[in-house]
């Protein structure tokens, strides 16, 4: 039996500046378990309850939409990879 593809209902979206120092979103809703992230520039990304993005964090290429599992109340921190600043969008998802 084939499984149906997972679909999500988008919820609250936060915009976080991607700059020369780590910047974090506000905490996601306590019931949120999935998030969608996209950035306008290559960015280092960290997801946790008290994240700080560093050059050791995973890289999210510009304009690449990614979906992640998270714990309720997690935050997303971003840091630019190069010298260009941009923005990121963090969207809470539900099924």
C-alpha atoms as a PDB file:
ATOM      1  CA  UNK A   1       0.000   0.000   0.000  1.00  0.00           C
ATOM      2  CA  UNK A   2       1.382   3.407  -0.957  1.00  0.00           C
ATOM      3  CA  UNK A   3       1.366   6.204   1.552  1.00  0.00           C
ATOM      4  CA  UNK A   4      -0.189   9.516   0.583  1.00  0.00           C
ATOM      5  CA  UNK A   5       2.241  12.451   0.431  1.00  0.00           C
ATOM      6  CA  UNK A   6       2.384  14.580   3.540  1.00  0.00           C
ATOM      7  CA  UNK A   7       0.564  17.854   3.199  1.00  0.00           C
ATOM      8  CA  UNK A   8       0.596  20.791   5.566  1.00  0.00           C
ATOM      9  CA  UNK A   9      -1.558  23.750   6.455  1.00  0.00           C
ATOM     10  CA  UNK A  10       0.576  26.916   6.764  1.00  0.00           C
ATOM     11  CA  UNK A  11       0.223  28.901   9.961  1.00  0.00           C
ATOM     12  CA  UNK A  12       2.055  31.881  11.436  1.00  0.00           C
ATOM     13  CA  UNK A  13       5.085  33.149   9.498  1.00  0.00           C
ATOM     14  CA  UNK A  14       7.991  35.094  10.958  1.00  0.00           C
ATOM     15  CA  UNK A  15      10.593  37.127   9.081  1.00  0.00           C
ATOM     16  CA  UNK A  16      14.141  37.073  10.455  1.00  0.00           C
ATOM     17  CA  UNK A  17      17.021  39.185   9.100  1.00  0.00           C
ATOM     18  CA  UNK A  18      19.983  37.194   7.779  1.00  0.00           C
ATOM     19  CA  UNK A  19      23.035  39.304   8.600  1.00  0.00           C
ATOM     20  CA  UNK A  20      26.584  39.306   9.912  1.00  0.00           C
ATOM     21  CA  UNK A  21      25.551  38.060  13.370  1.00  0.00           C
ATOM     22  CA  UNK A  22      23.185  35.309  14.429  1.00  0.00           C
ATOM     23  CA  UNK A  23      19.536  36.379  14.696  1.00  0.00           C
ATOM     24  CA  UNK A  24      16.740  34.185  16.035  1.00  0.00           C
ATOM     25  CA  UNK A  25      13.015  33.978  15.460  1.00  0.00           C
ATOM     26  CA  UNK A  26      10.515  34.056  18.255  1.00  0.00           C
ATOM     27  CA  UNK A  27       9.594  30.649  19.665  1.00  0.00           C
ATOM     28  CA  UNK A  28       7.154  28.638  17.569  1.00  0.00           C
ATOM     29  CA  UNK A  29       3.826  27.669  19.080  1.00  0.00           C
ATOM     30  CA  UNK A  30       4.077  24.920  21.698  1.00  0.00           C
ATOM     31  CA  UNK A  31       1.933  22.614  19.510  1.00  0.00           C
ATOM     32  CA  UNK A  32       4.012  23.138  16.343  1.00  0.00           C
ATOM     33  CA  UNK A  33       5.994  20.078  15.213  1.00  0.00           C
ATOM     34  CA  UNK A  34       6.915  21.052  11.639  1.00  0.00           C
ATOM     35  CA  UNK A  35       8.288  24.254  10.118  1.00  0.00           C
ATOM     36  CA  UNK A  36       9.139  25.528   6.638  1.00  0.00           C
ATOM     37  CA  UNK A  37      12.208  27.747   6.141  1.00  0.00           C
ATOM     38  CA  UNK A  38      13.334  29.719   3.105  1.00  0.00           C
ATOM     39  CA  UNK A  39      16.028  32.422   2.879  1.00  0.00           C
ATOM     40  CA  UNK A  40      16.932  35.003   0.231  1.00  0.00           C
ATOM     41  CA  UNK A  41      20.684  34.402   0.707  1.00  0.00           C
ATOM     42  CA  UNK A  42      22.794  31.368   1.599  1.00  0.00           C
ATOM     43  CA  UNK A  43      22.488  31.036   5.370  1.00  0.00           C
ATOM     44  CA  UNK A  44      23.740  28.998   8.295  1.00  0.00           C
ATOM     45  CA  UNK A  45      20.740  27.720  10.264  1.00  0.00           C
ATOM     46  CA  UNK A  46      20.313  26.347  13.772  1.00  0.00           C
ATOM     47  CA  UNK A  47      17.057  25.087  15.341  1.00  0.00           C
ATOM     48  CA  UNK A  48      16.682  24.642  19.115  1.00  0.00           C
ATOM     49  CA  UNK A  49      15.192  26.267  22.194  1.00  0.00           C
ATOM     50  CA  UNK A  50      18.127  28.723  22.414  1.00  0.00           C
ATOM     51  CA  UNK A  51      19.868  28.622  19.012  1.00  0.00           C
ATOM     52  CA  UNK A  52      22.907  30.515  17.806  1.00  0.00           C
ATOM     53  CA  UNK A  53      23.786  30.051  14.137  1.00  0.00           C
ATOM     54  CA  UNK A  54      27.528  29.711  13.464  1.00  0.00           C
ATOM     55  CA  UNK A  55      29.732  28.621  10.579  1.00  0.00           C
ATOM     56  CA  UNK A  56      29.357  25.078  12.011  1.00  0.00           C
ATOM     57  CA  UNK A  57      25.563  25.128  11.545  1.00  0.00           C
ATOM     58  CA  UNK A  58      23.959  23.543   8.492  1.00  0.00           C
ATOM     59  CA  UNK A  59      23.763  25.634   5.318  1.00  0.00           C
ATOM     60  CA  UNK A  60      20.460  26.450   3.656  1.00  0.00           C
ATOM     61  CA  UNK A  61      21.045  27.637   0.065  1.00  0.00           C
ATOM     62  CA  UNK A  62      19.223  30.787  -1.044  1.00  0.00           C
ATOM     63  CA  UNK A  63      15.624  30.306  -2.209  1.00  0.00           C
ATOM     64  CA  UNK A  64      15.620  26.624  -1.217  1.00  0.00           C
ATOM     65  CA  UNK A  65      12.497  25.637   0.677  1.00  0.00           C
ATOM     66  CA  UNK A  66      13.172  23.099   3.437  1.00  0.00           C
ATOM     67  CA  UNK A  67      10.876  21.432   5.955  1.00  0.00           C
ATOM     68  CA  UNK A  68      12.027  20.480   9.447  1.00  0.00           C
ATOM     69  CA  UNK A  69      10.687  18.744  12.523  1.00  0.00           C
ATOM     70  CA  UNK A  70      10.890  20.858  15.641  1.00  0.00           C
ATOM     71  CA  UNK A  71       9.929  20.766  19.277  1.00  0.00           C
ATOM     72  CA  UNK A  72       7.257  23.097  20.554  1.00  0.00           C
ATOM     73  CA  UNK A  73       8.776  26.446  21.563  1.00  0.00           C
ATOM     74  CA  UNK A  74      11.902  25.999  19.385  1.00  0.00           C
ATOM     75  CA  UNK A  75      13.431  28.992  17.654  1.00  0.00           C
ATOM     76  CA  UNK A  76      15.298  29.298  14.350  1.00  0.00           C
ATOM     77  CA  UNK A  77      18.581  31.221  14.183  1.00  0.00           C
ATOM     78  CA  UNK A  78      20.175  32.359  10.919  1.00  0.00           C
ATOM     79  CA  UNK A  79      23.536  33.830   9.868  1.00  0.00           C
ATOM     80  CA  UNK A  80      24.625  34.860   6.376  1.00  0.00           C
ATOM     81  CA  UNK A  81      27.240  32.690   4.634  1.00  0.00           C
ATOM     82  CA  UNK A  82      28.762  35.422   2.457  1.00  0.00           C
ATOM     83  CA  UNK A  83      28.765  39.191   2.627  1.00  0.00           C
ATOM     84  CA  UNK A  84      25.218  39.772   1.357  1.00  0.00           C
ATOM     85  CA  UNK A  85      22.417  40.284   3.851  1.00  0.00           C
ATOM     86  CA  UNK A  86      18.908  38.971   3.291  1.00  0.00           C
ATOM     87  CA  UNK A  87      15.793  37.707   4.986  1.00  0.00           C
ATOM     88  CA  UNK A  88      14.427  34.369   6.070  1.00  0.00           C
ATOM     89  CA  UNK A  89      10.856  33.240   6.478  1.00  0.00           C
ATOM     90  CA  UNK A  90       9.931  30.658   9.108  1.00  0.00           C
ATOM     91  CA  UNK A  91       6.417  29.240   8.722  1.00  0.00           C
ATOM     92  CA  UNK A  92       4.720  27.023  11.286  1.00  0.00           C
ATOM     93  CA  UNK A  93       2.911  24.027   9.765  1.00  0.00           C
ATOM     94  CA  UNK A  94       0.120  21.725  10.898  1.00  0.00           C
ATOM     95  CA  UNK A  95      -1.512  18.694   9.315  1.00  0.00           C
END
